[in-house]
N, C-alpha and C. Protein backbone atom coordinates (compact mmCIF):
# COMPACT_ATOMS: atom_id res chain seq x y z
N UNK A 1 -8.54 55.94 -11.49
CA UNK A 1 -8.34 54.52 -11.73
C UNK A 1 -7.62 53.87 -10.55
N UNK A 2 -6.77 54.64 -9.87
CA UNK A 2 -6.07 54.11 -8.71
C UNK A 2 -7.06 53.78 -7.59
N UNK A 3 -8.11 54.58 -7.45
CA UNK A 3 -9.09 54.30 -6.41
C UNK A 3 -9.88 53.04 -6.74
N UNK A 4 -10.11 52.77 -8.02
CA UNK A 4 -10.82 51.55 -8.38
C UNK A 4 -9.99 50.32 -8.03
N UNK A 5 -8.69 50.38 -8.31
CA UNK A 5 -7.83 49.24 -7.99
C UNK A 5 -7.79 49.01 -6.48
N UNK A 6 -7.61 50.12 -5.75
CA UNK A 6 -7.55 49.98 -4.30
C UNK A 6 -8.89 49.48 -3.75
N UNK A 7 -9.97 50.05 -4.29
CA UNK A 7 -11.30 49.61 -3.85
C UNK A 7 -11.53 48.15 -4.21
N UNK A 8 -11.08 47.78 -5.41
CA UNK A 8 -11.24 46.39 -5.84
C UNK A 8 -10.42 45.45 -4.99
N UNK A 9 -9.18 45.87 -4.73
CA UNK A 9 -8.33 45.01 -3.89
C UNK A 9 -8.86 44.92 -2.48
N UNK A 10 -9.27 46.06 -1.98
CA UNK A 10 -9.78 46.07 -0.61
C UNK A 10 -11.04 45.24 -0.49
N UNK A 11 -11.93 45.37 -1.46
CA UNK A 11 -13.17 44.60 -1.41
C UNK A 11 -12.89 43.12 -1.60
N UNK A 12 -11.99 42.83 -2.53
CA UNK A 12 -11.69 41.42 -2.80
C UNK A 12 -10.96 40.77 -1.64
N UNK A 13 -10.01 41.50 -1.06
CA UNK A 13 -9.24 40.90 0.02
C UNK A 13 -10.07 40.77 1.29
N UNK A 14 -10.95 41.74 1.53
CA UNK A 14 -11.74 41.65 2.76
C UNK A 14 -12.76 40.53 2.66
N UNK A 15 -13.38 40.36 1.48
CA UNK A 15 -14.35 39.27 1.36
C UNK A 15 -13.64 37.93 1.33
N UNK A 16 -12.46 37.91 0.70
CA UNK A 16 -11.71 36.66 0.66
C UNK A 16 -11.23 36.25 2.04
N UNK A 17 -10.71 37.22 2.81
CA UNK A 17 -10.24 36.89 4.14
C UNK A 17 -11.40 36.58 5.07
N UNK A 18 -12.52 37.25 4.85
CA UNK A 18 -13.69 36.96 5.68
C UNK A 18 -14.19 35.55 5.39
N UNK A 19 -14.14 35.16 4.13
CA UNK A 19 -14.60 33.82 3.77
C UNK A 19 -13.67 32.77 4.36
N UNK A 20 -12.35 33.03 4.26
CA UNK A 20 -11.40 32.07 4.79
C UNK A 20 -11.46 32.00 6.30
N UNK A 21 -11.52 33.17 6.95
CA UNK A 21 -11.53 33.14 8.41
C UNK A 21 -12.85 32.61 8.96
N UNK A 22 -13.94 32.87 8.26
CA UNK A 22 -15.23 32.39 8.73
C UNK A 22 -15.36 30.89 8.65
N UNK A 23 -14.91 30.31 7.53
CA UNK A 23 -15.06 28.87 7.39
C UNK A 23 -13.75 28.13 7.62
N UNK A 24 -12.63 28.82 7.47
CA UNK A 24 -11.34 28.17 7.60
C UNK A 24 -10.96 27.84 9.02
N UNK A 25 -11.47 28.56 9.98
CA UNK A 25 -11.07 28.34 11.36
C UNK A 25 -11.60 27.02 11.90
N UNK A 26 -12.75 26.58 11.41
CA UNK A 26 -13.30 25.34 11.97
C UNK A 26 -13.31 24.18 10.98
N UNK A 27 -13.55 24.45 9.71
CA UNK A 27 -13.72 23.35 8.76
C UNK A 27 -12.84 23.46 7.54
N UNK A 28 -12.13 24.53 7.32
CA UNK A 28 -11.35 24.72 6.12
C UNK A 28 -12.18 25.45 5.09
N UNK A 29 -11.63 25.61 3.89
CA UNK A 29 -12.35 26.36 2.87
C UNK A 29 -13.64 25.66 2.46
N UNK A 30 -14.60 26.44 2.01
CA UNK A 30 -15.88 25.88 1.60
C UNK A 30 -15.68 24.99 0.38
N UNK A 31 -16.38 23.88 0.34
CA UNK A 31 -16.28 22.97 -0.80
C UNK A 31 -17.06 23.54 -1.97
N UNK A 32 -16.46 23.41 -3.16
CA UNK A 32 -17.13 23.91 -4.36
C UNK A 32 -16.98 22.86 -5.45
N UNK A 33 -17.84 22.93 -6.44
CA UNK A 33 -17.73 22.06 -7.60
C UNK A 33 -17.90 20.59 -7.26
N UNK A 34 -16.96 19.78 -7.74
CA UNK A 34 -17.02 18.33 -7.58
C UNK A 34 -17.03 17.94 -6.10
N UNK A 35 -16.24 18.63 -5.29
CA UNK A 35 -16.14 18.31 -3.86
C UNK A 35 -17.44 18.60 -3.12
N UNK A 36 -18.25 19.53 -3.64
CA UNK A 36 -19.49 19.89 -2.97
C UNK A 36 -20.61 18.90 -3.27
N UNK A 37 -20.43 18.06 -4.29
CA UNK A 37 -21.47 17.07 -4.65
C UNK A 37 -21.51 15.95 -3.62
N UNK A 38 -22.65 15.30 -3.54
CA UNK A 38 -22.71 14.15 -2.65
C UNK A 38 -21.99 12.97 -3.32
N UNK A 39 -21.69 11.94 -2.54
CA UNK A 39 -20.87 10.83 -3.03
C UNK A 39 -21.50 10.11 -4.21
N UNK A 40 -22.81 9.99 -4.23
CA UNK A 40 -23.48 9.30 -5.34
C UNK A 40 -23.23 10.03 -6.66
N UNK A 41 -23.33 11.34 -6.63
CA UNK A 41 -23.08 12.12 -7.84
C UNK A 41 -21.62 12.01 -8.26
N UNK A 42 -20.71 12.07 -7.31
CA UNK A 42 -19.29 11.95 -7.62
C UNK A 42 -18.99 10.60 -8.26
N UNK A 43 -19.54 9.54 -7.70
CA UNK A 43 -19.31 8.20 -8.24
C UNK A 43 -19.86 8.06 -9.65
N UNK A 44 -21.04 8.63 -9.88
CA UNK A 44 -21.65 8.55 -11.21
C UNK A 44 -20.79 9.26 -12.25
N UNK A 45 -20.32 10.44 -11.93
CA UNK A 45 -19.48 11.19 -12.87
C UNK A 45 -18.15 10.47 -13.08
N UNK A 46 -17.53 10.00 -12.02
CA UNK A 46 -16.26 9.29 -12.13
C UNK A 46 -16.43 8.01 -12.95
N UNK A 47 -17.54 7.34 -12.77
CA UNK A 47 -17.81 6.12 -13.53
C UNK A 47 -17.91 6.41 -15.02
N UNK A 48 -18.58 7.50 -15.35
CA UNK A 48 -18.70 7.89 -16.76
C UNK A 48 -17.32 8.18 -17.35
N UNK A 49 -16.47 8.83 -16.57
CA UNK A 49 -15.11 9.11 -17.04
C UNK A 49 -14.32 7.84 -17.27
N UNK A 50 -14.46 6.89 -16.36
CA UNK A 50 -13.77 5.61 -16.52
C UNK A 50 -14.26 4.84 -17.73
N UNK A 51 -15.57 4.83 -17.94
CA UNK A 51 -16.13 4.15 -19.10
C UNK A 51 -15.64 4.78 -20.39
N UNK A 52 -15.60 6.10 -20.42
CA UNK A 52 -15.14 6.81 -21.62
C UNK A 52 -13.67 6.48 -21.90
N UNK A 53 -12.86 6.41 -20.86
CA UNK A 53 -11.44 6.09 -21.03
C UNK A 53 -11.26 4.69 -21.58
N UNK A 54 -12.04 3.75 -21.10
CA UNK A 54 -11.96 2.38 -21.61
C UNK A 54 -12.39 2.31 -23.07
N UNK A 55 -13.45 3.03 -23.43
CA UNK A 55 -13.91 3.04 -24.81
C UNK A 55 -12.86 3.67 -25.72
N UNK A 56 -12.21 4.69 -25.23
CA UNK A 56 -11.19 5.39 -26.02
C UNK A 56 -9.91 4.57 -26.10
N UNK A 57 -9.71 3.69 -25.14
CA UNK A 57 -8.51 2.85 -25.11
C UNK A 57 -7.36 3.47 -24.34
N UNK A 58 -7.63 4.50 -23.57
CA UNK A 58 -6.57 5.17 -22.80
C UNK A 58 -6.63 4.84 -21.31
N UNK A 59 -7.51 3.95 -20.91
CA UNK A 59 -7.64 3.61 -19.50
C UNK A 59 -6.46 2.75 -19.06
N UNK A 60 -6.06 2.93 -17.82
CA UNK A 60 -4.96 2.13 -17.27
C UNK A 60 -5.52 0.81 -16.76
N UNK A 61 -4.86 -0.27 -17.09
CA UNK A 61 -5.25 -1.58 -16.58
C UNK A 61 -4.03 -2.20 -15.92
N UNK A 62 -4.23 -2.72 -14.71
CA UNK A 62 -3.15 -3.35 -13.99
C UNK A 62 -2.81 -4.69 -14.61
N UNK A 63 -1.52 -4.98 -14.75
CA UNK A 63 -1.11 -6.35 -15.04
C UNK A 63 -0.82 -7.02 -13.70
N UNK A 64 -0.59 -8.32 -13.70
CA UNK A 64 -0.46 -9.03 -12.43
C UNK A 64 0.74 -8.55 -11.63
N UNK A 65 1.84 -8.21 -12.29
CA UNK A 65 3.03 -7.75 -11.58
C UNK A 65 2.78 -6.39 -10.91
N UNK A 66 2.12 -5.50 -11.63
CA UNK A 66 1.82 -4.18 -11.08
C UNK A 66 0.85 -4.29 -9.90
N UNK A 67 -0.12 -5.18 -10.02
CA UNK A 67 -1.06 -5.39 -8.93
C UNK A 67 -0.36 -5.98 -7.71
N UNK A 68 0.58 -6.88 -7.94
CA UNK A 68 1.34 -7.48 -6.85
C UNK A 68 2.14 -6.41 -6.11
N UNK A 69 2.79 -5.51 -6.87
CA UNK A 69 3.57 -4.45 -6.24
C UNK A 69 2.68 -3.50 -5.44
N UNK A 70 1.50 -3.20 -5.99
CA UNK A 70 0.58 -2.30 -5.28
C UNK A 70 0.11 -2.94 -3.97
N UNK A 71 -0.20 -4.22 -4.01
CA UNK A 71 -0.63 -4.93 -2.80
C UNK A 71 0.48 -5.00 -1.78
N UNK A 72 1.70 -5.20 -2.24
CA UNK A 72 2.84 -5.26 -1.33
C UNK A 72 3.04 -3.90 -0.66
N UNK A 73 2.91 -2.85 -1.44
CA UNK A 73 3.08 -1.50 -0.91
C UNK A 73 2.01 -1.21 0.15
N UNK A 74 0.78 -1.62 -0.11
CA UNK A 74 -0.29 -1.43 0.86
C UNK A 74 -0.05 -2.23 2.13
N UNK A 75 0.43 -3.44 1.96
CA UNK A 75 0.73 -4.28 3.12
C UNK A 75 1.83 -3.69 3.98
N UNK A 76 2.84 -3.11 3.33
CA UNK A 76 3.91 -2.47 4.08
C UNK A 76 3.38 -1.27 4.86
N UNK A 77 2.49 -0.52 4.24
CA UNK A 77 1.92 0.66 4.91
C UNK A 77 1.09 0.25 6.12
N UNK A 78 0.32 -0.81 5.98
CA UNK A 78 -0.52 -1.27 7.09
C UNK A 78 0.34 -1.82 8.21
N UNK A 79 1.41 -2.53 7.85
CA UNK A 79 2.24 -3.17 8.87
C UNK A 79 3.04 -2.16 9.69
N UNK A 80 3.14 -0.92 9.25
CA UNK A 80 3.82 0.10 10.04
C UNK A 80 3.02 0.47 11.29
N UNK A 81 1.73 0.23 11.26
CA UNK A 81 0.87 0.54 12.40
C UNK A 81 0.94 -0.64 13.37
N UNK A 82 1.80 -0.53 14.35
CA UNK A 82 2.07 -1.66 15.25
C UNK A 82 0.84 -2.05 16.08
N UNK A 83 0.07 -1.07 16.50
CA UNK A 83 -1.12 -1.38 17.30
C UNK A 83 -2.13 -2.17 16.46
N UNK A 84 -2.28 -1.78 15.20
CA UNK A 84 -3.21 -2.49 14.31
C UNK A 84 -2.73 -3.93 14.10
N UNK A 85 -1.44 -4.11 13.87
CA UNK A 85 -0.91 -5.45 13.65
C UNK A 85 -1.07 -6.32 14.91
N UNK A 86 -0.87 -5.72 16.07
CA UNK A 86 -1.05 -6.47 17.32
C UNK A 86 -2.50 -6.90 17.48
N UNK A 87 -3.42 -6.01 17.09
CA UNK A 87 -4.84 -6.33 17.18
C UNK A 87 -5.19 -7.48 16.24
N UNK A 88 -4.65 -7.45 15.03
CA UNK A 88 -4.90 -8.52 14.06
C UNK A 88 -4.38 -9.85 14.62
N UNK A 89 -3.16 -9.83 15.14
CA UNK A 89 -2.57 -11.05 15.70
C UNK A 89 -3.36 -11.59 16.87
N UNK A 90 -3.84 -10.68 17.71
CA UNK A 90 -4.63 -11.10 18.87
C UNK A 90 -5.92 -11.77 18.42
N UNK A 91 -6.59 -11.19 17.44
CA UNK A 91 -7.84 -11.77 16.96
C UNK A 91 -7.60 -13.13 16.32
N UNK A 92 -6.50 -13.25 15.58
CA UNK A 92 -6.18 -14.54 14.97
C UNK A 92 -5.89 -15.60 16.01
N UNK A 93 -5.15 -15.21 17.05
CA UNK A 93 -4.85 -16.15 18.14
C UNK A 93 -6.10 -16.57 18.88
N UNK A 94 -7.00 -15.60 19.10
CA UNK A 94 -8.24 -15.92 19.79
C UNK A 94 -9.09 -16.88 18.98
N UNK A 95 -9.19 -16.66 17.67
CA UNK A 95 -10.03 -17.53 16.85
C UNK A 95 -9.42 -18.93 16.76
N UNK A 96 -8.10 -18.99 16.69
CA UNK A 96 -7.45 -20.30 16.62
C UNK A 96 -7.62 -21.04 17.95
N UNK A 97 -7.49 -20.31 19.04
CA UNK A 97 -7.64 -20.92 20.36
C UNK A 97 -9.07 -21.42 20.55
N UNK A 98 -10.05 -20.61 20.16
CA UNK A 98 -11.44 -21.03 20.33
C UNK A 98 -11.77 -22.22 19.43
N UNK A 99 -11.20 -22.26 18.24
CA UNK A 99 -11.43 -23.40 17.35
C UNK A 99 -10.81 -24.66 17.95
N UNK A 100 -9.62 -24.53 18.55
CA UNK A 100 -8.97 -25.67 19.18
C UNK A 100 -9.79 -26.18 20.37
N UNK A 101 -10.30 -25.25 21.18
CA UNK A 101 -11.12 -25.64 22.33
C UNK A 101 -12.41 -26.30 21.88
N UNK A 102 -13.02 -25.80 20.81
CA UNK A 102 -14.26 -26.40 20.30
C UNK A 102 -14.00 -27.81 19.79
N UNK A 103 -12.87 -28.00 19.13
CA UNK A 103 -12.52 -29.35 18.64
C UNK A 103 -12.29 -30.31 19.80
N UNK A 104 -11.63 -29.83 20.85
CA UNK A 104 -11.41 -30.66 22.03
C UNK A 104 -12.74 -31.02 22.70
N UNK A 105 -13.63 -30.06 22.80
CA UNK A 105 -14.93 -30.30 23.42
C UNK A 105 -15.74 -31.31 22.61
N UNK A 106 -15.68 -31.20 21.30
CA UNK A 106 -16.40 -32.14 20.44
C UNK A 106 -15.82 -33.54 20.58
N UNK A 107 -14.50 -33.63 20.65
CA UNK A 107 -13.87 -34.94 20.82
C UNK A 107 -14.23 -35.54 22.18
N UNK A 108 -14.26 -34.71 23.21
CA UNK A 108 -14.61 -35.20 24.54
C UNK A 108 -16.07 -35.63 24.58
N UNK A 109 -16.94 -34.89 23.93
CA UNK A 109 -18.36 -35.24 23.90
C UNK A 109 -18.57 -36.55 23.17
N UNK A 110 -17.84 -36.74 22.08
CA UNK A 110 -17.96 -37.99 21.32
C UNK A 110 -17.46 -39.17 22.16
N UNK A 111 -16.38 -38.94 22.89
CA UNK A 111 -15.81 -40.00 23.73
C UNK A 111 -16.77 -40.34 24.88
N UNK A 112 -17.30 -39.32 25.53
CA UNK A 112 -18.23 -39.54 26.64
C UNK A 112 -19.54 -40.13 26.14
N UNK A 113 -19.97 -39.70 24.99
CA UNK A 113 -21.21 -40.22 24.42
C UNK A 113 -21.08 -41.71 24.11
N UNK A 114 -19.91 -42.12 23.65
CA UNK A 114 -19.67 -43.53 23.36
C UNK A 114 -19.70 -44.37 24.63
N UNK A 115 -19.16 -43.84 25.71
CA UNK A 115 -19.16 -44.56 26.98
C UNK A 115 -20.57 -44.72 27.53
N UNK A 116 -21.40 -43.72 27.38
CA UNK A 116 -22.77 -43.80 27.87
C UNK A 116 -23.55 -44.88 27.14
N UNK A 117 -23.37 -44.90 25.83
CA UNK A 117 -24.10 -45.91 25.05
C UNK A 117 -23.65 -47.29 25.45
N UNK A 118 -22.35 -47.46 25.68
CA UNK A 118 -21.83 -48.75 26.12
C UNK A 118 -22.39 -49.11 27.49
N UNK A 119 -22.57 -48.12 28.36
CA UNK A 119 -23.08 -48.37 29.71
C UNK A 119 -24.54 -48.75 29.68
N UNK A 120 -25.33 -48.23 28.73
CA UNK A 120 -26.74 -48.54 28.63
C UNK A 120 -26.95 -49.98 28.19
N UNK A 121 -26.06 -50.47 27.35
CA UNK A 121 -26.21 -51.82 26.83
C UNK A 121 -25.93 -52.87 27.90
N UNK A 122 -25.11 -52.56 28.87
CA UNK A 122 -24.73 -53.56 29.87
C UNK A 122 -25.78 -53.79 30.87
């Protein structure tokens, strides 16, 4: 019986370590079960679970205060990334600047257009 345990352990540990070292070195452990399904299948199953929870009355629903806190927490997490925030600010400044320039160009075109019409009448 001792040889069976040793053989079992040896066989189990060698196949387990071979599996981990073979796939673990580059990609991590092999995906199994729910993780191995494609996203469409995962979403379908998760959706069924959510629907069942709502029907049963045990589903969690956010109230406005809880949603506000969650949004604030997400905003704090995003704002820690300084490069991302700088990029957002730059894009906002660029769009505001281009809108201002477009408004100035439109005003100048309207002003110049009025002068031309006045010049044609004379």
